[in-house]
């Protein structure tokens, strides 16, 4: 058993709103909370709180509150913070929808979550509205933040004049947010995170993620993903830092925003680290304001971290987590340069971790020197989810009777207590930090009339990043080619789920029980 070297944090029994904004001082109310990276428009903490309260009142007037689920389908713009926290303040549950999702994917999440209200933006309206119509939502149930004929807009709700409601619930059991995760395998499931789960994780990372009130935090990683939701949005707001929003990645715009807004703290995923380390455009921008680059969402090796640190003249650290843990469980602490940059760091406060042999189920001992034998990483703490929506079976597969969350990642631990992710027991592919479930793509491929069988595994691209690769068995006499497979998949899924490589084979290797033997396809 490995306990965090940090003393346990006291987790307040509060809602997310009360925790973040309940004691907002007059001084802090004048601080800048949000900056639109494109336009430079600023929102103070005081204005943000007033907007959140106004939105909560408008939702309550619509009959939305405890027991309601509201979907939020929006890129990283300042209005996201207003709507997200307005939903939580109303007592409803927010289910965040990836801005890149197709109409089919949005429909699946709306139907599964039971959301009866959908917030979106005009740029995403076609797919959002098609999904809403498919699940029976009317025009008044689809709120287009920046305006669309026939639908309410954010301004209408913020100026309705309805008071914020009085709501009562147990923050330890009431579901605040429900992002969707594939867990360790399979189709995405609603991850039920309580107010206490979210509050706990913000408290737990206090000693280890050193965002300060003077920081300007670049908010590129999507708020709809638990990493962006907790580590960017809620951690930054809790520290009274300024969040500089960026709705989508473009390298030149990313560099311009850092330069023009003097961003000091960057939260990134590994593909952005590759660009920062290698792209010639980086040399054309003054990035001297950056004091920390923090990578998450997928493992990043020591060499790449070192290259970013040396090129930018800054500190580079990484952490680890998953949606089911709200998400952070490990992070590299500041000032611990003796730990390898390739490590995910130490368990955060209030977290217990252990490694268990995949073969024997026995706990793996701590090494006196070097690193331990590999084993599956298990974690336990107040940040671990309540469970998957409507999926007790899947919940019991990942949370054992002792309350340990089985991550599905294979790790080792070093003599200094630092952890390293070395392999993946779970079948998920991590493409640019996004989860891609092979089973989801395989089910889609099998609907193609010229495909008789298929398997999808993670493969390496030229930069050493993981991509989804499909192995396909064609029908006899079929002329389906690689491009045809890629186009078919692209028509039905979000961009990060696209198949990036295709191989045609005679048969998919399977076990006697019919399970795909993905290890036999790895490296082919």
Protein backbone atom coordinates (compact mmCIF):
# COMPACT_ATOMS: atom_id res chain seq x y z
CA UNK A 1 0.00 0.00 0.00
CA UNK A 2 1.33 3.44 -0.92
CA UNK A 3 -0.10 6.43 0.87
CA UNK A 4 0.43 9.96 -0.29
CA UNK A 5 3.43 11.67 1.36
CA UNK A 6 1.13 14.67 1.82
CA UNK A 7 -1.13 14.89 4.90
CA UNK A 8 -4.81 14.34 4.26
CA UNK A 9 -6.73 17.43 3.24
CA UNK A 10 -9.97 18.22 5.07
CA UNK A 11 -12.75 17.87 2.50
CA UNK A 12 -15.58 20.34 3.22
CA UNK A 13 -19.15 19.02 3.02
CA UNK A 14 -20.19 21.64 0.49
CA UNK A 15 -21.63 21.92 -2.97
CA UNK A 16 -19.22 22.84 -5.73
CA UNK A 17 -20.72 26.34 -5.94
CA UNK A 18 -20.44 27.01 -2.21
CA UNK A 19 -16.90 25.64 -2.14
CA UNK A 20 -15.68 27.76 -5.07
CA UNK A 21 -17.68 30.96 -4.60
CA UNK A 22 -19.37 30.89 -1.18
CA UNK A 23 -16.70 33.08 0.43
CA UNK A 24 -15.78 35.33 -2.48
CA UNK A 25 -14.20 38.44 -0.99
CA UNK A 26 -14.77 41.93 -2.30
CA UNK A 27 -11.14 41.99 -3.43
CA UNK A 28 -11.44 38.69 -5.29
CA UNK A 29 -14.72 39.71 -6.90
CA UNK A 30 -12.76 42.36 -8.81
CA UNK A 31 -10.13 39.88 -10.02
CA UNK A 32 -10.26 38.59 -13.59
CA UNK A 33 -11.69 35.07 -13.76
CA UNK A 34 -11.98 34.53 -17.52
CA UNK A 35 -10.36 36.00 -20.59
CA UNK A 36 -11.58 35.14 -24.08
CA UNK A 37 -8.30 34.26 -25.78
CA UNK A 38 -9.52 35.32 -29.23
CA UNK A 39 -11.15 38.67 -28.37
CA UNK A 40 -9.52 39.57 -25.07
CA UNK A 41 -12.91 40.20 -23.40
CA UNK A 42 -12.59 39.78 -19.62
CA UNK A 43 -15.03 38.55 -16.98
CA UNK A 44 -14.46 39.29 -13.29
CA UNK A 45 -15.16 36.81 -10.52
CA UNK A 46 -18.00 39.01 -9.29
CA UNK A 47 -19.64 39.10 -12.72
CA UNK A 48 -19.18 35.35 -13.14
CA UNK A 49 -20.96 34.61 -9.85
CA UNK A 50 -23.85 36.89 -10.77
CA UNK A 51 -24.19 35.13 -14.13
CA UNK A 52 -24.14 31.71 -12.46
CA UNK A 53 -26.87 32.74 -10.01
CA UNK A 54 -28.97 34.25 -12.81
CA UNK A 55 -28.69 31.10 -14.90
CA UNK A 56 -29.57 28.89 -11.93
CA UNK A 57 -32.67 31.00 -11.39
CA UNK A 58 -33.70 30.75 -15.02
CA UNK A 59 -33.26 26.97 -14.98
CA UNK A 60 -35.32 26.69 -11.79
CA UNK A 61 -38.08 28.72 -13.43
CA UNK A 62 -38.08 26.11 -16.21
CA UNK A 63 -38.58 23.35 -13.65
CA UNK A 64 -34.96 22.21 -13.75
CA UNK A 65 -33.36 21.24 -10.47
CA UNK A 66 -32.49 18.25 -8.32
CA UNK A 67 -33.22 15.15 -10.38
CA UNK A 68 -32.78 16.91 -13.75
CA UNK A 69 -29.97 16.22 -16.20
CA UNK A 70 -28.78 19.04 -18.47
CA UNK A 71 -26.40 18.47 -21.39
CA UNK A 72 -23.70 21.02 -22.16
CA UNK A 73 -22.23 20.84 -25.67
CA UNK A 74 -19.83 23.72 -25.97
CA UNK A 75 -16.16 24.46 -26.73
CA UNK A 76 -13.90 26.36 -24.34
CA UNK A 77 -15.42 29.83 -24.25
CA UNK A 78 -16.10 31.92 -21.11
CA UNK A 79 -19.84 31.11 -21.27
CA UNK A 80 -19.01 27.46 -20.54
CA UNK A 81 -18.09 28.38 -16.95
CA UNK A 82 -21.35 30.27 -16.49
CA UNK A 83 -23.54 27.48 -17.81
CA UNK A 84 -21.64 24.62 -16.19
CA UNK A 85 -21.68 26.13 -12.73
CA UNK A 86 -25.20 27.49 -13.24
CA UNK A 87 -26.43 23.93 -13.86
CA UNK A 88 -24.69 22.70 -10.70
CA UNK A 89 -26.00 25.67 -8.65
CA UNK A 90 -29.56 24.85 -9.76
CA UNK A 91 -29.23 21.39 -8.23
CA UNK A 92 -29.31 19.66 -11.61
CA UNK A 93 -26.68 17.28 -12.99
CA UNK A 94 -24.49 18.42 -15.89
CA UNK A 95 -23.53 15.91 -18.55
CA UNK A 96 -20.80 17.42 -20.70
CA UNK A 97 -20.70 16.49 -24.38
CA UNK A 98 -17.54 16.52 -26.48
CA UNK A 99 -17.70 19.46 -28.90
CA UNK A 100 -16.36 17.20 -31.69
CA UNK A 101 -19.14 14.62 -31.43
CA UNK A 102 -21.33 13.71 -34.39
CA UNK A 103 -25.13 13.81 -34.19
CA UNK A 104 -25.18 10.05 -33.61
CA UNK A 105 -22.76 10.29 -30.68
CA UNK A 106 -24.63 13.22 -29.12
CA UNK A 107 -27.91 11.34 -29.48
CA UNK A 108 -26.44 8.31 -27.70
CA UNK A 109 -25.33 10.44 -24.74
CA UNK A 110 -28.59 12.38 -24.53
CA UNK A 111 -30.60 9.18 -24.57
CA UNK A 112 -28.45 7.35 -22.04
CA UNK A 113 -28.12 10.27 -19.61
CA UNK A 114 -31.79 11.21 -19.76
CA UNK A 115 -30.98 14.87 -20.45
CA UNK A 116 -34.08 16.89 -21.29
CA UNK A 117 -32.31 20.22 -21.91
CA UNK A 118 -29.34 20.84 -24.18
CA UNK A 119 -27.04 23.87 -24.29
CA UNK A 120 -25.00 24.29 -27.46
CA UNK A 121 -23.52 26.99 -29.72
CA UNK A 122 -24.40 28.01 -33.27
CA UNK A 123 -21.22 26.51 -34.74
CA UNK A 124 -22.24 23.08 -33.39
CA UNK A 125 -25.98 23.54 -33.93
CA UNK A 126 -26.56 21.17 -36.90
CA UNK A 127 -25.39 18.04 -35.12
CA UNK A 128 -26.74 19.14 -31.73
CA UNK A 129 -30.22 19.88 -33.03
CA UNK A 130 -30.37 16.68 -35.06
CA UNK A 131 -29.54 14.72 -31.90
CA UNK A 132 -32.07 16.68 -29.86
CA UNK A 133 -34.85 16.02 -32.37
CA UNK A 134 -33.95 12.32 -32.42
CA UNK A 135 -34.55 12.03 -28.65
CA UNK A 136 -37.70 14.16 -28.69
CA UNK A 137 -36.41 17.51 -27.41
CA UNK A 138 -38.35 20.51 -28.69
CA UNK A 139 -36.94 23.87 -29.86
CA UNK A 140 -37.43 25.40 -26.40
CA UNK A 141 -35.32 22.60 -24.88
CA UNK A 142 -32.30 23.47 -27.05
CA UNK A 143 -30.60 26.64 -25.83
CA UNK A 144 -28.13 28.12 -28.33
CA UNK A 145 -25.77 30.25 -26.28
CA UNK A 146 -24.92 32.77 -29.00
CA UNK A 147 -28.38 32.81 -30.58
CA UNK A 148 -30.36 30.92 -33.21
CA UNK A 149 -33.84 31.67 -34.53
CA UNK A 150 -36.51 29.60 -32.84
CA UNK A 151 -34.42 28.77 -29.76
CA UNK A 152 -33.71 30.49 -26.43
CA UNK A 153 -30.25 31.99 -26.03
CA UNK A 154 -28.01 32.60 -23.03
CA UNK A 155 -28.91 36.28 -22.86
CA UNK A 156 -32.60 35.37 -22.44
CA UNK A 157 -31.83 33.23 -19.41
CA UNK A 158 -29.40 35.67 -17.81
CA UNK A 159 -31.93 38.51 -18.01
CA UNK A 160 -35.02 36.54 -16.94
CA UNK A 161 -34.85 37.99 -13.42
CA UNK A 162 -35.71 34.70 -11.74
CA UNK A 163 -33.97 34.34 -8.35
CA UNK A 164 -31.51 31.53 -7.73
CA UNK A 165 -33.35 28.68 -6.01
CA UNK A 166 -32.87 27.30 -2.54
CA UNK A 167 -31.71 23.73 -3.06
CA UNK A 168 -30.93 20.96 -0.62
CA UNK A 169 -29.00 17.79 -1.31
CA UNK A 170 -26.25 15.66 0.21
CA UNK A 171 -23.05 16.70 -1.60
CA UNK A 172 -21.54 13.26 -0.95
CA UNK A 173 -24.26 11.40 -2.85
CA UNK A 174 -25.79 13.96 -5.21
CA UNK A 175 -24.46 13.62 -8.78
CA UNK A 176 -22.96 16.94 -9.87
CA UNK A 177 -21.54 15.95 -13.24
CA UNK A 178 -21.72 12.98 -15.54
CA UNK A 179 -18.97 12.95 -18.16
CA UNK A 180 -18.82 9.86 -20.35
CA UNK A 181 -15.91 7.44 -20.20
CA UNK A 182 -15.17 4.07 -21.72
CA UNK A 183 -13.76 2.89 -18.40
CA UNK A 184 -11.30 0.11 -19.07
CA UNK A 185 -13.07 -1.12 -22.20
CA UNK A 186 -16.38 -0.99 -24.09
CA UNK A 187 -18.93 1.67 -24.96
CA UNK A 188 -18.83 5.03 -23.10
CA UNK A 189 -20.75 5.09 -19.83
CA UNK A 190 -21.98 7.93 -17.63
CA UNK A 191 -19.47 8.49 -14.81
CA UNK A 192 -21.42 9.70 -11.79
CA UNK A 193 -19.30 12.20 -9.85
CA UNK A 194 -20.70 13.80 -6.72
CA UNK A 195 -20.16 17.34 -5.51
CA UNK A 196 -17.87 15.87 -2.86
CA UNK A 197 -15.85 13.99 -5.50
CA UNK A 198 -15.14 17.24 -7.35
CA UNK A 199 -14.51 19.32 -4.23
CA UNK A 200 -12.22 16.61 -2.88
CA UNK A 201 -10.04 16.51 -5.98
CA UNK A 202 -9.58 20.29 -5.99
CA UNK A 203 -8.52 20.08 -2.33
CA UNK A 204 -6.32 17.03 -2.86
CA UNK A 205 -4.12 18.69 -5.50
CA UNK A 206 -3.47 21.86 -3.45
CA UNK A 207 0.07 20.87 -2.40
CA UNK A 208 1.05 19.38 -5.73
CA UNK A 209 -0.43 21.55 -8.53
CA UNK A 210 0.90 25.01 -7.74
CA UNK A 211 -1.48 27.33 -9.62
CA UNK A 212 -1.53 30.71 -7.88
CA UNK A 213 -3.81 33.75 -8.00
CA UNK A 214 -1.21 35.60 -10.05
CA UNK A 215 -1.25 32.95 -12.79
CA UNK A 216 -2.85 33.17 -16.19
CA UNK A 217 -3.81 29.61 -17.08
CA UNK A 218 -4.24 28.73 -20.74
CA UNK A 219 -7.49 26.77 -21.05
CA UNK A 220 -7.15 24.79 -24.26
CA UNK A 221 -7.89 21.26 -23.04
CA UNK A 222 -11.68 20.90 -23.24
CA UNK A 223 -13.73 21.78 -20.17
CA UNK A 224 -16.09 18.99 -21.25
CA UNK A 225 -13.37 16.44 -20.41
CA UNK A 226 -12.76 15.76 -16.72
CA UNK A 227 -9.12 16.94 -16.99
CA UNK A 228 -10.21 20.36 -18.23
CA UNK A 229 -13.23 20.43 -15.94
CA UNK A 230 -11.35 19.86 -12.68
CA UNK A 231 -7.70 20.74 -13.26
CA UNK A 232 -8.28 23.82 -15.40
CA UNK A 233 -11.72 25.18 -14.63
CA UNK A 234 -12.25 24.35 -10.96
CA UNK A 235 -8.64 24.39 -9.71
CA UNK A 236 -7.94 27.74 -11.41
CA UNK A 237 -11.18 29.27 -10.09
CA UNK A 238 -10.51 27.98 -6.58
CA UNK A 239 -7.09 29.68 -6.62
CA UNK A 240 -8.57 32.92 -8.08
CA UNK A 241 -6.32 32.66 -11.13
CA UNK A 242 -7.34 33.92 -14.59
CA UNK A 243 -8.37 31.38 -17.24
CA UNK A 244 -7.56 32.29 -20.84
CA UNK A 245 -9.95 30.28 -23.02
CA UNK A 246 -9.17 28.75 -26.40
CA UNK A 247 -11.96 26.81 -28.19
CA UNK A 248 -9.83 24.67 -30.50
CA UNK A 249 -6.18 23.97 -31.17
CA UNK A 250 -4.25 25.87 -33.79
CA UNK A 251 -0.53 26.09 -33.12
CA UNK A 252 -0.04 29.68 -34.29
CA UNK A 253 -3.07 30.87 -32.31
CA UNK A 254 -1.95 28.84 -29.29
CA UNK A 255 1.45 30.55 -29.36
CA UNK A 256 -0.06 33.99 -29.99
CA UNK A 257 -2.41 33.67 -27.01
CA UNK A 258 0.46 32.65 -24.74
CA UNK A 259 2.50 35.64 -25.91
CA UNK A 260 -0.24 38.27 -25.98
CA UNK A 261 -1.93 37.27 -22.73
CA UNK A 262 1.32 36.44 -20.90
CA UNK A 263 0.12 32.97 -19.95
CA UNK A 264 2.13 31.49 -17.11
CA UNK A 265 0.72 27.99 -16.64
CA UNK A 266 0.01 25.60 -19.53
CA UNK A 267 -1.97 22.39 -19.12
CA UNK A 268 -1.43 20.26 -22.21
CA UNK A 269 -1.64 16.74 -23.65
CA UNK A 270 1.36 14.90 -25.20
CA UNK A 271 0.71 15.91 -28.86
CA UNK A 272 1.06 19.56 -27.89
CA UNK A 273 4.32 18.70 -26.13
CA UNK A 274 5.56 17.24 -29.43
CA UNK A 275 4.78 20.54 -31.19
CA UNK A 276 6.43 22.61 -28.46
CA UNK A 277 9.55 20.45 -28.67
CA UNK A 278 9.87 20.19 -32.44
CA UNK A 279 7.89 22.74 -34.46
CA UNK A 280 9.94 25.62 -35.94
CA UNK A 281 7.04 28.07 -35.42
CA UNK A 282 7.67 28.01 -31.67
CA UNK A 283 10.89 30.02 -32.14
CA UNK A 284 8.92 32.94 -33.59
CA UNK A 285 7.05 33.68 -30.34
CA UNK A 286 8.12 35.03 -26.97
CA UNK A 287 6.99 32.38 -24.49
CA UNK A 288 9.10 33.63 -21.60
CA UNK A 289 6.01 34.19 -19.42
CA UNK A 290 5.47 30.42 -19.10
CA UNK A 291 6.65 29.12 -15.72
CA UNK A 292 5.09 25.61 -15.78
CA UNK A 293 4.00 23.19 -18.49
CA UNK A 294 1.90 20.39 -17.02
CA UNK A 295 1.01 17.39 -19.19
CA UNK A 296 -1.75 14.88 -18.60
CA UNK A 297 -4.36 12.73 -20.40
CA UNK A 298 -1.73 10.23 -21.64
CA UNK A 299 1.84 9.26 -20.65
CA UNK A 300 4.76 11.39 -21.83
CA UNK A 301 8.35 10.17 -21.72
CA UNK A 302 11.38 11.76 -20.09
CA UNK A 303 13.10 12.72 -23.36
CA UNK A 304 10.11 14.68 -24.67
CA UNK A 305 9.57 16.44 -21.35
CA UNK A 306 13.24 17.37 -21.23
CA UNK A 307 13.10 18.74 -24.79
CA UNK A 308 10.14 20.99 -23.94
CA UNK A 309 11.78 22.19 -20.73
CA UNK A 310 15.03 23.07 -22.46
CA UNK A 311 13.41 24.76 -25.45
CA UNK A 312 11.05 26.92 -23.39
CA UNK A 313 13.34 27.38 -20.41
CA UNK A 314 10.56 26.31 -18.06
CA UNK A 315 9.50 23.56 -15.68
CA UNK A 316 7.70 20.55 -17.14
CA UNK A 317 5.75 18.08 -15.03
CA UNK A 318 3.07 15.50 -15.58
CA UNK A 319 0.24 13.82 -13.72
CA UNK A 320 -2.13 10.91 -14.03
CA UNK A 321 -5.81 10.29 -13.51
CA UNK A 322 -9.04 9.09 -15.06
CA UNK A 323 -12.63 10.28 -15.24
CA UNK A 324 -13.63 7.73 -12.62
CA UNK A 325 -11.28 9.46 -10.12
CA UNK A 326 -12.44 13.05 -10.79
CA UNK A 327 -9.64 12.73 -12.27
CA UNK A 328 -6.26 13.24 -10.54
CA UNK A 329 -4.63 10.46 -8.51
CA UNK A 330 -0.90 11.15 -9.08
CA UNK A 331 1.17 14.17 -10.01
CA UNK A 332 4.77 15.30 -10.03
CA UNK A 333 5.21 17.80 -7.22
CA UNK A 334 7.04 21.11 -7.59
CA UNK A 335 10.59 21.15 -6.35
CA UNK A 336 11.15 17.40 -6.59
CA UNK A 337 13.67 17.44 -9.41
CA UNK A 338 15.20 14.19 -8.21
CA UNK A 339 12.15 12.37 -9.55
CA UNK A 340 12.36 11.28 -13.18
CA UNK A 341 10.44 13.49 -15.56
CA UNK A 342 9.05 10.30 -17.08
CA UNK A 343 7.27 9.52 -13.82
CA UNK A 344 3.61 10.38 -13.19
CA UNK A 345 4.76 11.43 -9.74
CA UNK A 346 3.39 10.65 -6.30
CA UNK A 347 -0.10 9.85 -5.04
CA UNK A 348 -1.93 13.06 -4.19
CA UNK A 349 -3.31 13.79 -0.70
CA UNK A 350 -5.99 11.40 0.66
CA UNK A 351 -5.10 8.76 -1.95
CA UNK A 352 -3.97 5.21 -1.31
CA UNK A 353 -2.44 3.26 -4.19
CA UNK A 354 -1.17 -0.24 -4.73
CA UNK A 355 0.15 -2.40 -7.52
CA UNK A 356 -1.31 -5.87 -8.01
CA UNK A 357 0.18 -8.65 -10.10
CA UNK A 358 -2.01 -9.36 -13.12
CA UNK A 359 -1.04 -13.05 -12.97
CA UNK A 360 -1.38 -13.79 -9.25
CA UNK A 361 -3.44 -10.96 -7.77
CA UNK A 362 -0.76 -10.48 -5.10
CA UNK A 363 0.34 -7.00 -4.06
CA UNK A 364 3.76 -5.99 -5.40
CA UNK A 365 6.35 -4.95 -2.84
CA UNK A 366 8.11 -1.60 -2.71
CA UNK A 367 11.70 -1.83 -4.01
CA UNK A 368 14.69 -0.83 -1.91
CA UNK A 369 16.27 0.58 -5.07
CA UNK A 370 15.48 0.67 -8.78
CA UNK A 371 11.87 0.02 -9.74
CA UNK A 372 9.35 -2.63 -8.77
CA UNK A 373 7.83 -5.39 -10.82
CA UNK A 374 4.92 -4.16 -12.98
CA UNK A 375 1.34 -4.55 -11.80
CA UNK A 376 -2.10 -3.04 -12.29
CA UNK A 377 -2.47 0.31 -10.53
CA UNK A 378 -5.32 0.46 -8.00
CA UNK A 379 -6.32 3.68 -6.20
CA UNK A 380 -8.69 4.61 -3.38
CA UNK A 381 -9.79 8.00 -2.12
CA UNK A 382 -12.68 10.49 -1.75
CA UNK A 383 -12.36 11.40 -5.43
CA UNK A 384 -13.41 7.95 -6.71
CA UNK A 385 -16.77 8.02 -8.52
CA UNK A 386 -20.12 6.90 -7.16
CA UNK A 387 -20.42 4.50 -10.11
CA UNK A 388 -21.55 4.24 -13.72
CA UNK A 389 -25.08 5.34 -14.57
CA UNK A 390 -27.35 2.29 -14.77
CA UNK A 391 -24.39 -0.08 -14.98
CA UNK A 392 -23.89 -1.77 -11.64
CA UNK A 393 -22.15 -4.63 -13.43
CA UNK A 394 -19.53 -2.34 -14.95
CA UNK A 395 -19.14 -0.47 -11.66
CA UNK A 396 -18.37 -3.70 -9.78
CA UNK A 397 -15.82 -4.62 -12.44
CA UNK A 398 -13.71 -1.54 -11.69
CA UNK A 399 -14.39 -0.80 -8.00
CA UNK A 400 -13.71 -3.72 -5.69
CA UNK A 401 -15.22 -4.48 -2.28
CA UNK A 402 -12.44 -2.55 -0.55
CA UNK A 403 -13.23 0.60 -2.55
CA UNK A 404 -10.18 0.41 -4.79
CA UNK A 405 -10.59 1.64 -8.35
CA UNK A 406 -8.91 -0.70 -10.83
CA UNK A 407 -7.39 1.67 -13.38
CA UNK A 408 -6.55 -0.87 -16.09
CA UNK A 409 -3.08 0.68 -16.39
CA UNK A 410 0.11 -1.25 -15.67
CA UNK A 411 2.60 0.65 -13.54
CA UNK A 412 5.83 0.28 -11.62
CA UNK A 413 6.98 2.20 -8.55
CA UNK A 414 10.46 3.50 -7.83
CA UNK A 415 12.42 3.56 -4.60
CA UNK A 416 11.41 7.20 -3.98
CA UNK A 417 7.72 6.28 -4.22
CA UNK A 418 7.29 7.65 -7.73
CA UNK A 419 5.04 5.77 -10.17
CA UNK A 420 5.54 5.01 -13.87
CA UNK A 421 2.87 3.93 -16.35
CA UNK A 422 4.48 1.22 -18.46
CA UNK A 423 1.64 -0.58 -20.24
CA UNK A 424 -2.11 -0.84 -20.51
CA UNK A 425 -4.22 -3.75 -19.31
CA UNK A 426 -7.35 -2.00 -20.50
CA UNK A 427 -8.06 -1.93 -24.19
CA UNK A 428 -8.54 1.82 -24.55
CA UNK A 429 -6.51 3.74 -27.10
CA UNK A 430 -5.36 7.23 -26.10
CA UNK A 431 -5.31 9.40 -29.22
CA UNK A 432 -4.10 12.94 -28.46
CA UNK A 433 -5.28 12.45 -24.89
CA UNK A 434 -8.80 11.39 -25.89
CA UNK A 435 -10.19 7.96 -25.07
CA UNK A 436 -10.98 5.76 -28.05
CA UNK A 437 -12.76 2.48 -27.26
CA UNK A 438 -11.84 -0.26 -29.77
CA UNK A 439 -15.17 -2.02 -29.17
CA UNK A 440 -17.07 1.07 -30.33
CA UNK A 441 -15.14 1.25 -33.62
CA UNK A 442 -15.34 -2.51 -34.14
CA UNK A 443 -19.12 -2.44 -33.78
CA UNK A 444 -19.28 0.36 -36.33
CA UNK A 445 -16.98 -1.40 -38.81
CA UNK A 446 -19.13 -4.52 -38.69
CA UNK A 447 -22.09 -2.52 -40.01
CA UNK A 448 -20.24 -2.02 -43.30
CA UNK A 449 -21.69 -4.44 -45.88
CA UNK A 450 -18.25 -5.43 -47.20
CA UNK A 451 -16.63 -6.13 -43.80
CA UNK A 452 -17.08 -9.56 -42.20
CA UNK A 453 -14.88 -9.04 -39.16
CA UNK A 454 -12.71 -6.32 -37.63
CA UNK A 455 -10.46 -5.46 -34.73
CA UNK A 456 -9.01 -2.14 -33.63
CA UNK A 457 -5.80 -1.67 -31.64
CA UNK A 458 -3.44 1.14 -30.75
CA UNK A 459 -0.45 1.61 -33.05
CA UNK A 460 2.43 4.09 -33.06
CA UNK A 461 2.75 6.94 -35.56
CA UNK A 462 6.02 8.58 -36.68
CA UNK A 463 6.12 10.75 -33.53
CA UNK A 464 5.61 7.77 -31.23
CA UNK A 465 2.04 8.80 -30.45
CA UNK A 466 -0.75 6.24 -30.28
CA UNK A 467 -3.32 6.07 -33.12
CA UNK A 468 -6.32 3.78 -33.80
CA UNK A 469 -5.47 1.08 -36.36
CA UNK A 470 -8.11 -1.21 -37.86
CA UNK A 471 -7.54 -4.80 -38.94
CA UNK A 472 -10.27 -5.71 -41.41
CA UNK A 473 -11.52 -8.93 -42.97
CA UNK A 474 -13.24 -8.16 -46.29
CA UNK A 475 -16.01 -10.14 -47.93
CA UNK A 476 -14.93 -12.28 -50.86
CA UNK A 477 -14.52 -10.25 -54.07
CA UNK A 478 -14.77 -6.96 -52.15
CA UNK A 479 -12.69 -4.09 -53.52
CA UNK A 480 -12.89 -2.05 -50.31
CA UNK A 481 -9.59 -0.26 -49.78
CA UNK A 482 -7.90 1.57 -46.89
CA UNK A 483 -9.37 4.93 -47.86
CA UNK A 484 -12.86 3.46 -48.03
CA UNK A 485 -12.58 2.10 -44.49
CA UNK A 486 -11.27 5.41 -43.13
CA UNK A 487 -13.98 7.42 -44.88
CA UNK A 488 -16.73 5.14 -43.61
CA UNK A 489 -15.59 5.48 -40.01
CA UNK A 490 -15.05 9.24 -40.31
CA UNK A 491 -18.65 9.73 -41.39
CA UNK A 492 -19.95 8.36 -38.07
CA UNK A 493 -17.55 9.42 -35.32
CA UNK A 494 -15.80 12.43 -33.82
CA UNK A 495 -12.41 13.29 -35.39
CA UNK A 496 -10.35 11.82 -32.55
CA UNK A 497 -12.02 8.43 -33.06
CA UNK A 498 -11.14 8.18 -36.75
CA UNK A 499 -9.19 5.14 -37.89
CA UNK A 500 -5.71 6.37 -38.87
CA UNK A 501 -4.30 3.15 -40.33
CA UNK A 502 -5.85 0.02 -41.89
CA UNK A 503 -4.54 -3.48 -42.52
CA UNK A 504 -6.47 -6.21 -44.36
CA UNK A 505 -6.05 -9.74 -42.98
CA UNK A 506 -7.65 -13.12 -43.55
CA UNK A 507 -8.93 -13.67 -40.01
CA UNK A 508 -9.05 -11.86 -36.67
CA UNK A 509 -7.17 -13.83 -33.98
CA UNK A 510 -9.53 -14.81 -31.16
CA UNK A 511 -9.50 -16.90 -28.01
CA UNK A 512 -11.62 -20.02 -27.57
CA UNK A 513 -14.30 -17.86 -25.95
CA UNK A 514 -14.35 -15.51 -28.95
CA UNK A 515 -12.43 -12.63 -27.37
CA UNK A 516 -10.19 -10.69 -29.77
CA UNK A 517 -6.51 -11.35 -29.07
CA UNK A 518 -5.32 -7.76 -29.47
CA UNK A 519 -1.81 -8.61 -28.30
CA UNK A 520 -1.40 -10.74 -31.43
CA UNK A 521 -2.15 -7.70 -33.58
CA UNK A 522 0.06 -5.21 -31.73
CA UNK A 523 3.09 -4.24 -33.80
CA UNK A 524 1.73 -5.67 -37.05
